[in-house]
Protein backbone atom coordinates (compact mmCIF):
# COMPACT_ATOMS: atom_id res chain seq x y z
CA UNK A 1 97.49 37.45 113.77
CA UNK A 2 95.98 35.41 111.06
CA UNK A 3 92.39 34.58 110.95
CA UNK A 4 91.31 31.46 112.95
CA UNK A 5 90.07 28.43 111.05
CA UNK A 6 89.67 26.16 114.06
CA UNK A 7 90.62 26.21 117.69
CA UNK A 8 90.54 23.73 120.60
CA UNK A 9 91.52 23.87 124.24
CA UNK A 10 93.74 21.09 125.66
CA UNK A 11 94.83 21.12 129.31
CA UNK A 12 94.43 24.94 129.47
CA UNK A 13 96.32 25.66 126.27
CA UNK A 14 94.53 27.06 123.27
CA UNK A 15 95.62 25.52 119.93
CA UNK A 16 94.59 28.10 117.35
CA UNK A 17 94.75 26.79 113.79
CA UNK A 18 95.10 29.39 111.04
CA UNK A 19 96.87 27.35 108.41
CA UNK A 20 96.84 23.84 106.97
CA UNK A 21 98.48 21.32 109.33
CA UNK A 22 97.93 18.45 106.80
CA UNK A 23 98.59 14.89 107.96
CA UNK A 24 102.13 14.91 109.34
CA UNK A 25 103.69 11.57 110.24
CA UNK A 26 106.25 13.09 112.67
CA UNK A 27 106.18 16.01 115.12
CA UNK A 28 109.58 17.44 115.98
CA UNK A 29 109.81 19.31 119.23
CA UNK A 30 112.59 21.83 119.88
CA UNK A 31 112.25 23.70 123.26
CA UNK A 32 114.77 25.94 125.00
CA UNK A 33 116.80 23.64 127.18
CA UNK A 34 120.40 22.58 127.65
CA UNK A 35 122.66 24.50 125.22
CA UNK A 36 119.48 25.64 123.43
CA UNK A 37 120.10 22.54 121.21
CA UNK A 38 116.43 21.86 120.51
CA UNK A 39 115.54 25.46 120.01
CA UNK A 40 118.36 26.06 117.51
CA UNK A 41 117.67 22.78 115.66
CA UNK A 42 113.87 23.43 115.37
CA UNK A 43 114.29 26.95 113.95
CA UNK A 44 116.94 25.75 111.53
CA UNK A 45 114.70 22.89 110.40
CA UNK A 46 111.74 25.27 109.79
CA UNK A 47 113.93 27.60 107.74
CA UNK A 48 115.63 24.93 105.73
CA UNK A 49 112.30 23.21 104.81
CA UNK A 50 110.37 26.49 104.48
CA UNK A 51 107.67 25.19 106.80
CA UNK A 52 104.55 27.39 107.22
CA UNK A 53 103.39 28.70 110.60
CA UNK A 54 99.95 27.07 110.83
CA UNK A 55 99.03 26.76 114.59
CA UNK A 56 99.65 29.09 117.54
CA UNK A 57 99.65 27.72 121.09
CA UNK A 58 98.99 30.06 123.99
CA UNK A 59 97.59 30.37 127.45
CA UNK A 60 96.82 33.59 129.35
CA UNK A 61 97.35 31.78 132.72
CA UNK A 62 100.07 29.27 132.02
CA UNK A 63 102.52 31.16 129.78
CA UNK A 64 104.15 34.57 130.15
CA UNK A 65 102.10 37.52 128.66
CA UNK A 66 104.18 37.56 125.48
CA UNK A 67 103.46 38.35 121.84
CA UNK A 68 106.28 37.66 119.37
CA UNK A 69 106.55 40.13 116.46
CA UNK A 70 108.15 38.86 113.18
CA UNK A 71 108.27 40.94 110.09
CA UNK A 72 105.65 43.19 111.58
CA UNK A 73 103.30 40.38 112.32
CA UNK A 74 102.25 39.38 115.87
CA UNK A 75 102.68 35.71 116.60
CA UNK A 76 101.96 33.29 119.43
CA UNK A 77 104.86 32.41 121.84
CA UNK A 78 104.60 28.72 120.90
CA UNK A 79 104.02 27.86 117.31
CA UNK A 80 103.52 24.67 115.16
CA UNK A 81 104.99 24.67 111.65
CA UNK A 82 104.13 22.26 108.90
CA UNK A 83 104.51 21.37 105.26
CA UNK A 84 101.68 18.83 105.37
CA UNK A 85 103.90 15.77 106.07
CA UNK A 86 106.12 17.08 108.87
CA UNK A 87 105.32 19.34 111.83
CA UNK A 88 107.64 21.19 114.11
CA UNK A 89 107.05 22.95 117.44
CA UNK A 90 109.23 26.01 118.12
CA UNK A 91 109.06 28.70 120.75
CA UNK A 92 110.91 31.91 121.63
CA UNK A 93 110.50 31.53 125.43
CA UNK A 94 111.65 29.07 128.10
CA UNK A 95 108.74 27.05 129.38
CA UNK A 96 107.96 27.95 133.03
CA UNK A 97 108.34 24.93 135.35
CA UNK A 98 104.78 25.07 136.45
CA UNK A 99 103.59 25.08 132.84
CA UNK A 100 105.74 22.20 131.68
CA UNK A 101 103.52 19.31 132.92
CA UNK A 102 100.21 20.58 131.37
CA UNK A 103 101.93 21.73 128.16
CA UNK A 104 103.72 18.41 127.72
CA UNK A 105 100.43 16.51 128.22
CA UNK A 106 98.67 18.85 125.78
CA UNK A 107 101.31 18.34 123.08
CA UNK A 108 101.05 14.55 123.38
CA UNK A 109 97.27 14.76 123.35
CA UNK A 110 97.38 16.99 120.26
CA UNK A 111 99.72 14.59 118.45
CA UNK A 112 97.49 11.65 119.21
CA UNK A 113 94.25 13.29 117.97
CA UNK A 114 96.00 14.43 114.78
CA UNK A 115 97.15 10.85 113.97
CA UNK A 116 100.95 11.60 114.37
CA UNK A 117 103.00 8.39 114.40
CA UNK A 118 105.93 9.56 116.51
CA UNK A 119 107.18 12.60 118.38
CA UNK A 120 110.82 13.37 117.81
CA UNK A 121 112.31 15.32 120.80
CA UNK A 122 115.54 17.12 120.12
CA UNK A 123 117.69 18.32 123.01
CA UNK A 124 121.13 18.43 124.47
CA UNK A 125 122.74 16.61 127.39
CA UNK A 126 125.15 18.75 129.42
CA UNK A 127 128.63 17.23 129.39
CA UNK A 128 131.47 18.88 131.45
CA UNK A 129 133.92 17.54 128.88
CA UNK A 130 132.20 19.30 125.94
CA UNK A 131 135.12 21.74 125.59
CA UNK A 132 137.44 18.82 124.81
CA UNK A 133 135.21 17.31 122.16
CA UNK A 134 135.89 17.72 118.50
CA UNK A 135 132.41 16.49 117.73
CA UNK A 136 129.56 16.10 120.28
CA UNK A 137 128.35 12.44 120.93
CA UNK A 138 124.89 11.43 120.04
CA UNK A 139 122.38 9.48 122.10
CA UNK A 140 118.86 8.19 121.61
CA UNK A 141 115.99 7.14 124.01
CA UNK A 142 113.17 5.22 122.48
CA UNK A 143 109.79 4.95 124.21
CA UNK A 144 108.69 1.70 122.56
CA UNK A 145 109.55 -0.89 119.96
CA UNK A 146 108.05 1.26 117.15
CA UNK A 147 110.29 4.20 118.22
CA UNK A 148 113.29 1.85 118.31
CA UNK A 149 112.47 0.56 114.78
CA UNK A 150 112.12 4.10 113.41
CA UNK A 151 115.39 5.26 115.05
CA UNK A 152 117.34 2.10 114.18
CA UNK A 153 118.75 3.67 110.97
CA UNK A 154 120.69 6.28 112.93
CA UNK A 155 124.15 5.42 114.27
CA UNK A 156 123.81 6.59 117.83
CA UNK A 157 124.56 5.23 121.34
CA UNK A 158 121.47 4.18 123.28
CA UNK A 159 121.42 6.02 126.64
CA UNK A 160 121.49 3.01 128.82
CA UNK A 161 121.82 4.73 132.18
CA UNK A 162 121.05 8.30 133.23
CA UNK A 163 118.26 10.72 134.34
CA UNK A 164 116.29 12.95 131.99
CA UNK A 165 114.66 15.95 133.54
CA UNK A 166 112.41 18.85 132.39
CA UNK A 167 109.86 19.09 129.62
CA UNK A 168 111.39 16.33 127.48
CA UNK A 169 111.12 13.92 130.46
CA UNK A 170 107.46 14.82 130.83
CA UNK A 171 106.74 14.36 127.13
CA UNK A 172 108.51 10.95 127.19
CA UNK A 173 106.45 9.77 130.21
CA UNK A 174 103.19 11.08 128.76
CA UNK A 175 103.96 9.39 125.40
CA UNK A 176 104.50 6.13 127.16
CA UNK A 177 101.28 6.65 129.09
CA UNK A 178 99.36 7.45 126.00
CA UNK A 179 101.02 4.79 123.83
CA UNK A 180 102.50 7.28 121.33
CA UNK A 181 106.04 6.57 120.02
CA UNK A 182 108.59 9.11 121.24
CA UNK A 183 112.24 9.30 120.13
CA UNK A 184 114.47 11.60 122.18
CA UNK A 185 117.59 12.64 120.25
CA UNK A 186 120.28 14.11 122.44
CA UNK A 187 123.75 15.48 121.70
CA UNK A 188 126.56 16.25 124.18
CA UNK A 189 126.28 19.96 124.76
CA UNK A 190 127.56 22.89 126.85
CA UNK A 191 125.16 23.30 129.75
CA UNK A 192 124.63 27.09 129.67
CA UNK A 193 126.29 28.22 126.38
CA UNK A 194 124.22 28.17 123.13
CA UNK A 195 125.68 25.15 121.27
CA UNK A 196 124.94 25.22 117.55
CA UNK A 197 127.54 22.52 116.90
CA UNK A 198 125.59 20.14 119.15
CA UNK A 199 122.31 21.28 117.50
CA UNK A 200 123.81 20.35 114.08
CA UNK A 201 124.67 16.79 115.29
CA UNK A 202 121.22 16.27 116.84
CA UNK A 203 119.53 17.68 113.81
CA UNK A 204 121.37 15.52 111.35
CA UNK A 205 120.13 12.55 113.34
CA UNK A 206 116.60 13.75 113.63
CA UNK A 207 116.45 14.60 109.86
CA UNK A 208 117.60 11.05 109.03
CA UNK A 209 114.91 9.57 111.23
CA UNK A 210 112.16 11.60 109.52
CA UNK A 211 113.61 11.06 106.08
CA UNK A 212 114.44 14.64 104.98
CA UNK A 213 117.70 16.26 103.83
CA UNK A 214 118.77 19.26 105.96
CA UNK A 215 122.03 21.23 105.36
CA UNK A 216 123.48 22.08 108.75
CA UNK A 217 126.66 23.74 107.38
CA UNK A 218 125.42 27.21 108.21
CA UNK A 219 125.02 26.26 111.92
CA UNK A 220 128.68 25.49 112.03
CA UNK A 221 129.81 28.46 109.87
CA UNK A 222 127.76 30.94 111.95
CA UNK A 223 128.31 29.31 115.29
CA UNK A 224 129.83 32.37 117.00
CA UNK A 225 127.20 34.73 115.71
CA UNK A 226 124.43 32.33 116.87
CA UNK A 227 126.01 32.07 120.39
CA UNK A 228 126.10 35.87 120.65
CA UNK A 229 122.63 36.36 119.37
CA UNK A 230 121.14 33.76 121.74
CA UNK A 231 123.03 34.56 124.91
CA UNK A 232 120.03 36.32 126.53
CA UNK A 233 117.63 33.39 125.78
CA UNK A 234 120.26 31.02 127.22
CA UNK A 235 120.50 33.13 130.43
CA UNK A 236 116.68 33.01 130.80
CA UNK A 237 116.64 29.33 130.12
CA UNK A 238 119.43 28.61 132.61
CA UNK A 239 117.26 30.22 135.37
CA UNK A 240 114.31 28.11 134.38
CA UNK A 241 116.39 24.93 134.22
CA UNK A 242 117.71 25.54 137.74
CA UNK A 243 114.09 25.35 139.02
CA UNK A 244 113.27 22.24 137.00
CA UNK A 245 115.67 19.73 138.43
CA UNK A 246 118.04 19.68 135.47
CA UNK A 247 120.98 19.13 137.93
CA UNK A 248 119.69 15.62 138.37
CA UNK A 249 120.88 14.68 134.83
CA UNK A 250 124.53 14.98 135.90
CA UNK A 251 124.51 12.03 138.34
CA UNK A 252 123.85 8.33 137.79
CA UNK A 253 120.61 6.72 139.01
CA UNK A 254 120.80 5.29 142.50
CA UNK A 255 120.20 1.76 141.27
CA UNK A 256 123.39 1.92 139.10
CA UNK A 257 125.80 3.53 141.60
């Protein structure tokens, strides 16, 4: 691992900085979740923009005892990438249910202290009719007026009714509590099949929000290979989602039934 420049502990998580974060305006979050939409999108964004791995996030008690090895170099299980103006959180592991609340609070607190204007959460929303869709639908949740303004340039349907569960729900609630703008970008997705097509739709919207150009053609061209390569991660994530109340997302709220 690279030499540490600075480290701080937030909510039991160690943020170990070994590169230059800069002063990013936006923080994009892509965690393993429904269809691995966020995970696929975040990795593709990092590769397309050639972002540098600058901060490792870890906890000996709250995350599995995992070290990721890439090109012979050991890395933290959760990493923050940056080019100075944009930061992206990516991880190779599903977030354990018990770790999701403190990690979500830690991420929001980190974003606030680093002067980030808005968090862009990228995820999928499981849709039983996904097999019949030529192109996944796109939805957006905005935490406040500033988030609505930032997201207004994207043509997407506002999610008017529904239930959001898991880490992204926690990040949204904590962002509202800490008065940090949060935009949740969601695409219709398979529930338990890696969905690079949905990731492409969500990433196109997210990239428009943050003002960068990202080519998503390779996600579509290599969709079958990506699905095969990520099937084990999807299986692990499915088990985690089952313990995190994700099934609640597939019914309307009581007040609207």
